[in-house]
Amino acid sequence: MRMRTLASAFSLVFCLLMHGCGVYSFSGASIPAEAKTVSVQYFPNHAQLVNPTLSNDFSTALRDAMMNQTPLDMVESGGDLSFEGEITDYKTSPVAITAGQTAALNRLTITVNVRFVNRFDETKNFETRFTHYEDYPSDQDLNSVQDALTATIIEALVEDVFNKALVNW
């Protein structure tokens, strides 16, 4: 009997904590209780070097994160929470120069500029540039490793955008 009372008390406290400050998900997202929708616009590629699938891949990955990690409904535009922006940089550069003045590694870097609007709390709005990179051996051609590198970078970028917008650490 005492164990059941303790379990009931714990459940009540847990429910009150979860309900108190908005909607929480197991991803750690803190979403205003009144928010019901999210919109993610297409992120055009304005980088000098253009990867033809990057805009679509990034936009889709951010939409997927919002649908899979929040209870919000995806809408075309004007969501209670809204994301838009552009890809501003996609470049490869040498790193780890060896004694012979050749690169042992190359670095693929992607930068996206993101504008986030929270209709219910303007203090959460932001415009921020997010950058991530992955290194690869210089003896490999970018075309042969590009898809895997880009997927890894996009995953990290989406996580950063999600955390800045929805996770209050």
N, C-alpha and C. Protein backbone atom coordinates (compact mmCIF):
# COMPACT_ATOMS: atom_id res chain seq x y z
N MET A 1 0.82 -1.19 0.00
CA MET A 1 0.00 0.00 0.00
C MET A 1 0.87 1.26 0.00
N ARG A 2 1.91 1.25 0.83
CA ARG A 2 2.79 2.41 0.91
C ARG A 2 3.51 2.64 -0.42
N MET A 3 3.89 1.57 -1.11
CA MET A 3 4.57 1.67 -2.40
C MET A 3 3.62 2.27 -3.46
N ARG A 4 2.36 1.90 -3.42
CA ARG A 4 1.39 2.42 -4.36
C ARG A 4 1.17 3.92 -4.13
N THR A 5 1.12 4.34 -2.88
CA THR A 5 0.96 5.76 -2.55
C THR A 5 2.16 6.55 -3.04
N LEU A 6 3.34 6.00 -2.82
CA LEU A 6 4.56 6.66 -3.27
C LEU A 6 4.58 6.76 -4.79
N ALA A 7 4.19 5.71 -5.47
CA ALA A 7 4.16 5.72 -6.93
C ALA A 7 3.13 6.73 -7.44
N SER A 8 1.98 6.81 -6.79
CA SER A 8 0.96 7.79 -7.19
C SER A 8 1.46 9.21 -6.99
N ALA A 9 2.13 9.46 -5.89
CA ALA A 9 2.66 10.80 -5.61
C ALA A 9 3.72 11.16 -6.65
N PHE A 10 4.58 10.23 -6.97
CA PHE A 10 5.61 10.48 -7.97
C PHE A 10 4.97 10.78 -9.33
N SER A 11 3.95 10.01 -9.70
CA SER A 11 3.27 10.23 -10.97
C SER A 11 2.62 11.60 -11.03
N LEU A 12 2.00 12.02 -9.94
CA LEU A 12 1.36 13.32 -9.88
C LEU A 12 2.40 14.45 -10.05
N VAL A 13 3.50 14.36 -9.33
CA VAL A 13 4.55 15.37 -9.42
C VAL A 13 5.12 15.39 -10.84
N PHE A 14 5.36 14.23 -11.43
CA PHE A 14 5.89 14.15 -12.78
C PHE A 14 4.95 14.82 -13.78
N CYS A 15 3.66 14.54 -13.68
CA CYS A 15 2.68 15.13 -14.59
C CYS A 15 2.62 16.65 -14.43
N LEU A 16 2.65 17.12 -13.20
CA LEU A 16 2.62 18.56 -12.97
C LEU A 16 3.86 19.24 -13.54
N LEU A 17 5.01 18.63 -13.38
CA LEU A 17 6.24 19.21 -13.93
C LEU A 17 6.21 19.23 -15.45
N MET A 18 5.72 18.19 -16.05
CA MET A 18 5.69 18.11 -17.50
C MET A 18 4.67 19.07 -18.10
N HIS A 19 3.63 19.38 -17.37
CA HIS A 19 2.57 20.22 -17.88
C HIS A 19 2.84 21.70 -17.62
N GLY A 20 3.65 22.00 -16.65
CA GLY A 20 3.81 23.36 -16.16
C GLY A 20 4.34 24.38 -17.14
N CYS A 21 5.29 24.06 -17.96
CA CYS A 21 5.97 25.07 -18.77
C CYS A 21 5.83 24.85 -20.26
N GLY A 22 4.85 24.14 -20.69
CA GLY A 22 4.68 23.91 -22.12
C GLY A 22 4.73 22.43 -22.41
N VAL A 23 4.87 22.13 -23.68
CA VAL A 23 4.88 20.76 -24.13
C VAL A 23 6.33 20.29 -24.20
N TYR A 24 6.60 19.13 -23.64
CA TYR A 24 7.94 18.56 -23.70
C TYR A 24 7.88 17.26 -24.47
N SER A 25 8.96 16.96 -25.14
CA SER A 25 9.05 15.68 -25.82
C SER A 25 10.28 14.97 -25.28
N PHE A 26 10.42 13.70 -25.64
CA PHE A 26 11.57 12.96 -25.17
C PHE A 26 12.86 13.42 -25.83
N SER A 27 12.75 14.29 -26.84
CA SER A 27 13.95 14.85 -27.46
C SER A 27 14.51 16.00 -26.63
N GLY A 28 13.77 16.43 -25.61
CA GLY A 28 14.21 17.55 -24.79
C GLY A 28 13.65 18.86 -25.27
N ALA A 29 12.79 18.83 -26.28
CA ALA A 29 12.24 20.06 -26.83
C ALA A 29 11.25 20.70 -25.86
N SER A 30 11.33 22.01 -25.77
CA SER A 30 10.40 22.78 -24.97
C SER A 30 9.59 23.64 -25.93
N ILE A 31 8.34 23.29 -26.11
CA ILE A 31 7.48 23.93 -27.08
C ILE A 31 6.34 24.61 -26.35
N PRO A 32 6.02 25.87 -26.69
CA PRO A 32 4.90 26.53 -26.03
C PRO A 32 3.62 25.69 -26.18
N ALA A 33 2.85 25.61 -25.11
CA ALA A 33 1.64 24.78 -25.12
C ALA A 33 0.66 25.20 -26.20
N GLU A 34 0.62 26.50 -26.51
CA GLU A 34 -0.33 26.98 -27.51
C GLU A 34 0.14 26.73 -28.95
N ALA A 35 1.38 26.37 -29.15
CA ALA A 35 1.90 26.10 -30.50
C ALA A 35 1.36 24.77 -31.01
N LYS A 36 0.82 24.80 -32.21
CA LYS A 36 0.25 23.60 -32.82
C LYS A 36 0.89 23.25 -34.15
N THR A 37 1.52 24.25 -34.80
CA THR A 37 2.06 24.02 -36.14
C THR A 37 3.50 24.51 -36.26
N VAL A 38 4.19 23.96 -37.25
CA VAL A 38 5.56 24.39 -37.57
C VAL A 38 5.67 24.44 -39.10
N SER A 39 6.44 25.41 -39.58
CA SER A 39 6.70 25.48 -41.02
C SER A 39 8.20 25.60 -41.24
N VAL A 40 8.67 24.89 -42.25
CA VAL A 40 10.07 24.94 -42.65
C VAL A 40 10.09 25.26 -44.14
N GLN A 41 10.57 26.44 -44.47
CA GLN A 41 10.66 26.85 -45.86
C GLN A 41 11.86 26.19 -46.53
N TYR A 42 11.86 26.18 -47.84
CA TYR A 42 12.97 25.66 -48.63
C TYR A 42 14.18 26.58 -48.44
N PHE A 43 15.35 26.00 -48.18
CA PHE A 43 16.58 26.75 -47.97
C PHE A 43 17.36 26.80 -49.29
N PRO A 44 17.27 27.91 -50.04
CA PRO A 44 18.00 27.98 -51.31
C PRO A 44 19.51 28.00 -51.08
N ASN A 45 20.25 27.55 -52.07
CA ASN A 45 21.71 27.49 -51.98
C ASN A 45 22.30 28.73 -52.64
N HIS A 46 22.87 29.62 -51.83
CA HIS A 46 23.50 30.83 -52.33
C HIS A 46 25.02 30.75 -52.24
N ALA A 47 25.56 29.57 -52.01
CA ALA A 47 27.01 29.39 -51.93
C ALA A 47 27.62 29.50 -53.32
N GLN A 48 28.89 29.87 -53.38
CA GLN A 48 29.57 29.97 -54.67
C GLN A 48 29.71 28.60 -55.34
N LEU A 49 30.05 27.60 -54.54
CA LEU A 49 30.12 26.22 -55.03
C LEU A 49 28.79 25.57 -54.69
N VAL A 50 28.07 25.10 -55.69
CA VAL A 50 26.72 24.58 -55.47
C VAL A 50 26.68 23.07 -55.58
N ASN A 51 26.23 22.44 -54.51
CA ASN A 51 25.91 21.02 -54.52
C ASN A 51 24.43 20.97 -54.91
N PRO A 52 24.07 20.34 -56.03
CA PRO A 52 22.70 20.43 -56.53
C PRO A 52 21.62 19.83 -55.62
N THR A 53 21.98 18.94 -54.71
CA THR A 53 20.96 18.34 -53.84
C THR A 53 20.95 18.92 -52.43
N LEU A 54 21.89 19.79 -52.12
CA LEU A 54 22.06 20.28 -50.74
C LEU A 54 20.83 21.01 -50.21
N SER A 55 20.25 21.90 -51.00
CA SER A 55 19.07 22.65 -50.53
C SER A 55 17.94 21.72 -50.15
N ASN A 56 17.64 20.80 -51.03
CA ASN A 56 16.57 19.86 -50.76
C ASN A 56 16.90 18.95 -49.58
N ASP A 57 18.14 18.46 -49.51
CA ASP A 57 18.53 17.56 -48.43
C ASP A 57 18.44 18.25 -47.06
N PHE A 58 18.94 19.48 -46.97
CA PHE A 58 18.89 20.19 -45.70
C PHE A 58 17.45 20.52 -45.30
N SER A 59 16.68 21.06 -46.24
CA SER A 59 15.28 21.43 -45.96
C SER A 59 14.48 20.22 -45.50
N THR A 60 14.66 19.11 -46.18
CA THR A 60 13.94 17.87 -45.83
C THR A 60 14.38 17.36 -44.46
N ALA A 61 15.67 17.40 -44.17
CA ALA A 61 16.17 16.92 -42.88
C ALA A 61 15.62 17.76 -41.73
N LEU A 62 15.53 19.08 -41.91
CA LEU A 62 14.98 19.94 -40.86
C LEU A 62 13.48 19.67 -40.69
N ARG A 63 12.76 19.49 -41.79
CA ARG A 63 11.32 19.14 -41.69
C ARG A 63 11.14 17.81 -40.96
N ASP A 64 11.95 16.82 -41.33
CA ASP A 64 11.86 15.50 -40.69
C ASP A 64 12.11 15.60 -39.19
N ALA A 65 13.09 16.40 -38.79
CA ALA A 65 13.39 16.56 -37.36
C ALA A 65 12.19 17.17 -36.63
N MET A 66 11.55 18.15 -37.24
CA MET A 66 10.39 18.78 -36.60
C MET A 66 9.22 17.81 -36.50
N MET A 67 9.02 17.00 -37.52
CA MET A 67 7.90 16.05 -37.51
C MET A 67 8.17 14.88 -36.56
N ASN A 68 9.43 14.41 -36.50
CA ASN A 68 9.76 13.24 -35.69
C ASN A 68 10.02 13.54 -34.23
N GLN A 69 10.43 14.78 -33.91
CA GLN A 69 10.82 15.08 -32.54
C GLN A 69 9.90 16.07 -31.84
N THR A 70 8.82 16.47 -32.51
CA THR A 70 7.85 17.36 -31.87
C THR A 70 6.44 16.85 -32.18
N PRO A 71 5.46 17.28 -31.39
CA PRO A 71 4.08 16.89 -31.69
C PRO A 71 3.39 17.86 -32.65
N LEU A 72 4.13 18.79 -33.23
CA LEU A 72 3.56 19.83 -34.07
C LEU A 72 3.18 19.32 -35.45
N ASP A 73 2.15 19.93 -36.03
CA ASP A 73 1.74 19.60 -37.39
C ASP A 73 2.52 20.47 -38.36
N MET A 74 3.03 19.87 -39.43
CA MET A 74 3.77 20.60 -40.45
C MET A 74 2.78 21.32 -41.37
N VAL A 75 3.01 22.62 -41.59
CA VAL A 75 2.21 23.40 -42.53
C VAL A 75 3.15 24.04 -43.56
N GLU A 76 2.60 24.41 -44.70
CA GLU A 76 3.41 24.98 -45.78
C GLU A 76 4.11 26.27 -45.37
N SER A 77 3.39 27.17 -44.72
CA SER A 77 3.98 28.45 -44.31
C SER A 77 3.16 29.03 -43.16
N GLY A 78 3.76 30.00 -42.45
CA GLY A 78 3.04 30.68 -41.38
C GLY A 78 2.79 29.83 -40.15
N GLY A 79 3.65 28.88 -39.87
CA GLY A 79 3.48 28.05 -38.69
C GLY A 79 3.66 28.84 -37.40
N ASP A 80 3.13 28.29 -36.31
CA ASP A 80 3.33 28.92 -35.01
C ASP A 80 4.83 29.06 -34.72
N LEU A 81 5.58 28.06 -35.13
CA LEU A 81 7.04 28.12 -35.11
C LEU A 81 7.46 28.02 -36.58
N SER A 82 8.37 28.89 -36.99
CA SER A 82 8.71 28.89 -38.41
C SER A 82 10.20 29.06 -38.63
N PHE A 83 10.69 28.32 -39.63
CA PHE A 83 12.10 28.32 -40.01
C PHE A 83 12.24 28.72 -41.47
N GLU A 84 13.18 29.59 -41.75
CA GLU A 84 13.54 29.92 -43.13
C GLU A 84 14.99 30.33 -43.15
N GLY A 85 15.56 30.42 -44.33
CA GLY A 85 16.95 30.82 -44.44
C GLY A 85 17.54 30.40 -45.75
N GLU A 86 18.87 30.31 -45.78
CA GLU A 86 19.57 29.96 -47.00
C GLU A 86 20.91 29.33 -46.65
N ILE A 87 21.40 28.55 -47.60
CA ILE A 87 22.74 27.99 -47.48
C ILE A 87 23.69 29.06 -48.01
N THR A 88 24.63 29.48 -47.19
CA THR A 88 25.50 30.59 -47.57
C THR A 88 26.91 30.16 -47.96
N ASP A 89 27.31 28.96 -47.55
CA ASP A 89 28.67 28.53 -47.89
C ASP A 89 28.73 27.01 -48.01
N TYR A 90 29.45 26.57 -49.02
CA TYR A 90 29.73 25.16 -49.27
C TYR A 90 31.10 25.15 -49.91
N LYS A 91 32.10 24.74 -49.14
CA LYS A 91 33.46 24.83 -49.67
C LYS A 91 34.32 23.70 -49.17
N THR A 92 35.36 23.45 -49.93
CA THR A 92 36.37 22.50 -49.51
C THR A 92 37.70 23.25 -49.45
N SER A 93 38.49 22.93 -48.43
CA SER A 93 39.77 23.62 -48.25
C SER A 93 40.78 22.65 -47.66
N PRO A 94 42.06 22.89 -47.94
CA PRO A 94 43.10 22.01 -47.40
C PRO A 94 43.34 22.29 -45.92
N VAL A 95 43.60 21.24 -45.18
CA VAL A 95 44.01 21.35 -43.77
C VAL A 95 45.13 20.34 -43.56
N ALA A 96 45.81 20.42 -42.45
CA ALA A 96 46.88 19.48 -42.11
C ALA A 96 47.93 19.41 -43.21
N ILE A 97 48.57 20.54 -43.46
CA ILE A 97 49.62 20.60 -44.48
C ILE A 97 50.84 19.80 -44.01
N THR A 98 51.39 18.99 -44.91
CA THR A 98 52.56 18.15 -44.58
C THR A 98 53.85 18.91 -44.88
N ALA A 99 54.96 18.30 -44.56
CA ALA A 99 56.28 18.92 -44.78
C ALA A 99 56.52 19.23 -46.25
N GLY A 100 55.93 18.47 -47.13
CA GLY A 100 56.09 18.70 -48.56
C GLY A 100 55.13 19.74 -49.11
N GLN A 101 54.50 20.50 -48.26
CA GLN A 101 53.55 21.56 -48.64
C GLN A 101 52.32 21.02 -49.37
N THR A 102 51.96 19.77 -49.08
CA THR A 102 50.73 19.22 -49.62
C THR A 102 49.78 18.94 -48.47
N ALA A 103 48.51 18.91 -48.77
CA ALA A 103 47.51 18.69 -47.73
C ALA A 103 47.35 17.21 -47.46
N ALA A 104 47.39 16.86 -46.19
CA ALA A 104 47.11 15.47 -45.81
C ALA A 104 45.61 15.27 -45.70
N LEU A 105 44.91 16.35 -45.37
CA LEU A 105 43.46 16.31 -45.24
C LEU A 105 42.84 17.50 -45.95
N ASN A 106 41.62 17.30 -46.40
CA ASN A 106 40.79 18.39 -46.91
C ASN A 106 39.58 18.50 -46.00
N ARG A 107 38.96 19.65 -46.01
CA ARG A 107 37.81 19.90 -45.14
C ARG A 107 36.63 20.40 -45.98
N LEU A 108 35.49 19.72 -45.84
CA LEU A 108 34.25 20.19 -46.45
C LEU A 108 33.47 20.95 -45.37
N THR A 109 33.12 22.20 -45.66
CA THR A 109 32.43 23.06 -44.71
C THR A 109 31.11 23.53 -45.32
N ILE A 110 30.05 23.47 -44.52
CA ILE A 110 28.74 23.97 -44.94
C ILE A 110 28.24 24.96 -43.89
N THR A 111 27.74 26.10 -44.37
CA THR A 111 27.17 27.12 -43.49
C THR A 111 25.75 27.42 -43.94
N VAL A 112 24.83 27.45 -42.98
CA VAL A 112 23.45 27.84 -43.26
C VAL A 112 23.07 29.02 -42.36
N ASN A 113 22.33 29.92 -42.92
CA ASN A 113 21.78 31.04 -42.17
C ASN A 113 20.31 30.71 -41.89
N VAL A 114 19.93 30.73 -40.61
CA VAL A 114 18.58 30.32 -40.22
C VAL A 114 17.88 31.46 -39.50
N ARG A 115 16.64 31.72 -39.92
CA ARG A 115 15.77 32.67 -39.22
C ARG A 115 14.63 31.87 -38.59
N PHE A 116 14.50 31.98 -37.28
CA PHE A 116 13.48 31.26 -36.53
C PHE A 116 12.52 32.26 -35.90
N VAL A 117 11.23 31.99 -36.05
CA VAL A 117 10.21 32.85 -35.44
C VAL A 117 9.28 31.98 -34.60
N ASN A 118 9.11 32.40 -33.34
CA ASN A 118 8.19 31.77 -32.41
C ASN A 118 7.07 32.78 -32.18
N ARG A 119 5.90 32.51 -32.74
CA ARG A 119 4.77 33.46 -32.65
C ARG A 119 4.35 33.77 -31.23
N PHE A 120 4.65 32.89 -30.28
CA PHE A 120 4.16 33.05 -28.92
C PHE A 120 5.19 33.61 -27.96
N ASP A 121 6.45 33.65 -28.38
CA ASP A 121 7.50 34.17 -27.50
C ASP A 121 8.60 34.79 -28.35
N GLU A 122 8.49 36.09 -28.60
CA GLU A 122 9.44 36.78 -29.48
C GLU A 122 10.87 36.76 -28.95
N THR A 123 11.05 36.53 -27.66
CA THR A 123 12.41 36.47 -27.12
C THR A 123 13.16 35.25 -27.62
N LYS A 124 12.45 34.26 -28.18
CA LYS A 124 13.07 33.05 -28.72
C LYS A 124 13.45 33.19 -30.20
N ASN A 125 12.99 34.26 -30.85
CA ASN A 125 13.30 34.47 -32.27
C ASN A 125 14.80 34.68 -32.44
N PHE A 126 15.34 34.20 -33.57
CA PHE A 126 16.75 34.44 -33.85
C PHE A 126 17.03 34.37 -35.33
N GLU A 127 18.16 34.95 -35.70
CA GLU A 127 18.78 34.75 -37.01
C GLU A 127 20.23 34.43 -36.71
N THR A 128 20.65 33.22 -37.08
CA THR A 128 21.98 32.73 -36.72
C THR A 128 22.57 31.94 -37.88
N ARG A 129 23.88 32.05 -38.03
CA ARG A 129 24.62 31.21 -38.98
C ARG A 129 25.13 29.98 -38.23
N PHE A 130 24.92 28.83 -38.82
CA PHE A 130 25.39 27.56 -38.26
C PHE A 130 26.39 26.97 -39.25
N THR A 131 27.53 26.54 -38.75
CA THR A 131 28.58 25.99 -39.59
C THR A 131 29.06 24.66 -39.01
N HIS A 132 29.25 23.71 -39.91
CA HIS A 132 29.87 22.43 -39.53
C HIS A 132 30.77 21.98 -40.66
N TYR A 133 31.73 21.13 -40.32
CA TYR A 133 32.65 20.61 -41.33
C TYR A 133 33.00 19.17 -41.01
N GLU A 134 33.52 18.50 -42.02
CA GLU A 134 34.06 17.16 -41.91
C GLU A 134 35.34 17.12 -42.72
N ASP A 135 36.34 16.46 -42.17
CA ASP A 135 37.62 16.29 -42.86
C ASP A 135 37.64 14.96 -43.60
N TYR A 136 38.39 14.94 -44.71
CA TYR A 136 38.55 13.71 -45.46
C TYR A 136 39.97 13.67 -46.05
N PRO A 137 40.51 12.47 -46.27
CA PRO A 137 41.88 12.35 -46.78
C PRO A 137 42.03 13.03 -48.14
N SER A 138 43.14 13.70 -48.33
CA SER A 138 43.35 14.44 -49.57
C SER A 138 43.55 13.52 -50.78
N ASP A 139 43.82 12.25 -50.53
CA ASP A 139 43.95 11.34 -51.66
C ASP A 139 42.60 10.84 -52.17
N GLN A 140 41.51 11.28 -51.52
CA GLN A 140 40.17 10.93 -51.98
C GLN A 140 39.56 12.12 -52.71
N ASP A 141 38.88 11.84 -53.79
CA ASP A 141 38.20 12.86 -54.57
C ASP A 141 36.91 13.26 -53.84
N LEU A 142 36.63 14.56 -53.80
CA LEU A 142 35.42 15.05 -53.12
C LEU A 142 34.17 14.34 -53.65
N ASN A 143 34.09 14.12 -54.95
CA ASN A 143 32.90 13.46 -55.51
C ASN A 143 32.67 12.07 -54.93
N SER A 144 33.73 11.38 -54.54
CA SER A 144 33.58 10.02 -54.03
C SER A 144 33.13 10.00 -52.56
N VAL A 145 33.36 11.08 -51.81
CA VAL A 145 33.00 11.11 -50.39
C VAL A 145 31.94 12.15 -50.06
N GLN A 146 31.56 12.94 -51.05
CA GLN A 146 30.66 14.07 -50.85
C GLN A 146 29.33 13.69 -50.20
N ASP A 147 28.68 12.65 -50.68
CA ASP A 147 27.36 12.28 -50.15
C ASP A 147 27.42 11.93 -48.67
N ALA A 148 28.40 11.12 -48.29
CA ALA A 148 28.51 10.72 -46.88
C ALA A 148 28.88 11.92 -46.00
N LEU A 149 29.82 12.74 -46.45
CA LEU A 149 30.21 13.92 -45.68
C LEU A 149 29.05 14.89 -45.52
N THR A 150 28.35 15.14 -46.61
CA THR A 150 27.23 16.07 -46.58
C THR A 150 26.14 15.58 -45.64
N ALA A 151 25.84 14.29 -45.67
CA ALA A 151 24.82 13.74 -44.77
C ALA A 151 25.20 13.93 -43.31
N THR A 152 26.46 13.69 -42.98
CA THR A 152 26.94 13.87 -41.61
C THR A 152 26.87 15.33 -41.18
N ILE A 153 27.27 16.23 -42.06
CA ILE A 153 27.24 17.66 -41.75
C ILE A 153 25.80 18.14 -41.59
N ILE A 154 24.92 17.73 -42.48
CA ILE A 154 23.51 18.13 -42.38
C ILE A 154 22.91 17.67 -41.06
N GLU A 155 23.20 16.45 -40.67
CA GLU A 155 22.69 15.93 -39.40
C GLU A 155 23.14 16.82 -38.23
N ALA A 156 24.40 17.22 -38.22
CA ALA A 156 24.92 18.08 -37.15
C ALA A 156 24.28 19.47 -37.20
N LEU A 157 24.12 20.02 -38.40
CA LEU A 157 23.49 21.33 -38.55
C LEU A 157 22.05 21.33 -38.06
N VAL A 158 21.30 20.31 -38.45
CA VAL A 158 19.90 20.20 -38.04
C VAL A 158 19.81 20.08 -36.52
N GLU A 159 20.69 19.30 -35.92
CA GLU A 159 20.69 19.16 -34.46
C GLU A 159 20.96 20.51 -33.79
N ASP A 160 21.91 21.26 -34.32
CA ASP A 160 22.21 22.59 -33.76
C ASP A 160 21.02 23.54 -33.89
N VAL A 161 20.39 23.55 -35.06
CA VAL A 161 19.23 24.42 -35.28
C VAL A 161 18.09 24.02 -34.34
N PHE A 162 17.81 22.74 -34.26
CA PHE A 162 16.76 22.23 -33.38
C PHE A 162 17.03 22.63 -31.93
N ASN A 163 18.26 22.41 -31.48
CA ASN A 163 18.60 22.73 -30.10
C ASN A 163 18.48 24.21 -29.80
N LYS A 164 18.95 25.06 -30.70
CA LYS A 164 18.86 26.51 -30.47
C LYS A 164 17.41 26.96 -30.43
N ALA A 165 16.58 26.41 -31.30
CA ALA A 165 15.19 26.85 -31.39
C ALA A 165 14.30 26.26 -30.30
N LEU A 166 14.54 25.01 -29.94
CA LEU A 166 13.54 24.31 -29.11
C LEU A 166 14.06 23.69 -27.82
N VAL A 167 15.35 23.68 -27.58
CA VAL A 167 15.86 23.05 -26.37
C VAL A 167 16.45 24.15 -25.49
N ASN A 168 15.91 24.29 -24.30
CA ASN A 168 16.35 25.34 -23.38
C ASN A 168 17.35 24.78 -22.38
N TRP A 169 18.61 24.70 -22.77
CA TRP A 169 19.63 24.17 -21.85
C TRP A 169 20.19 25.29 -21.03
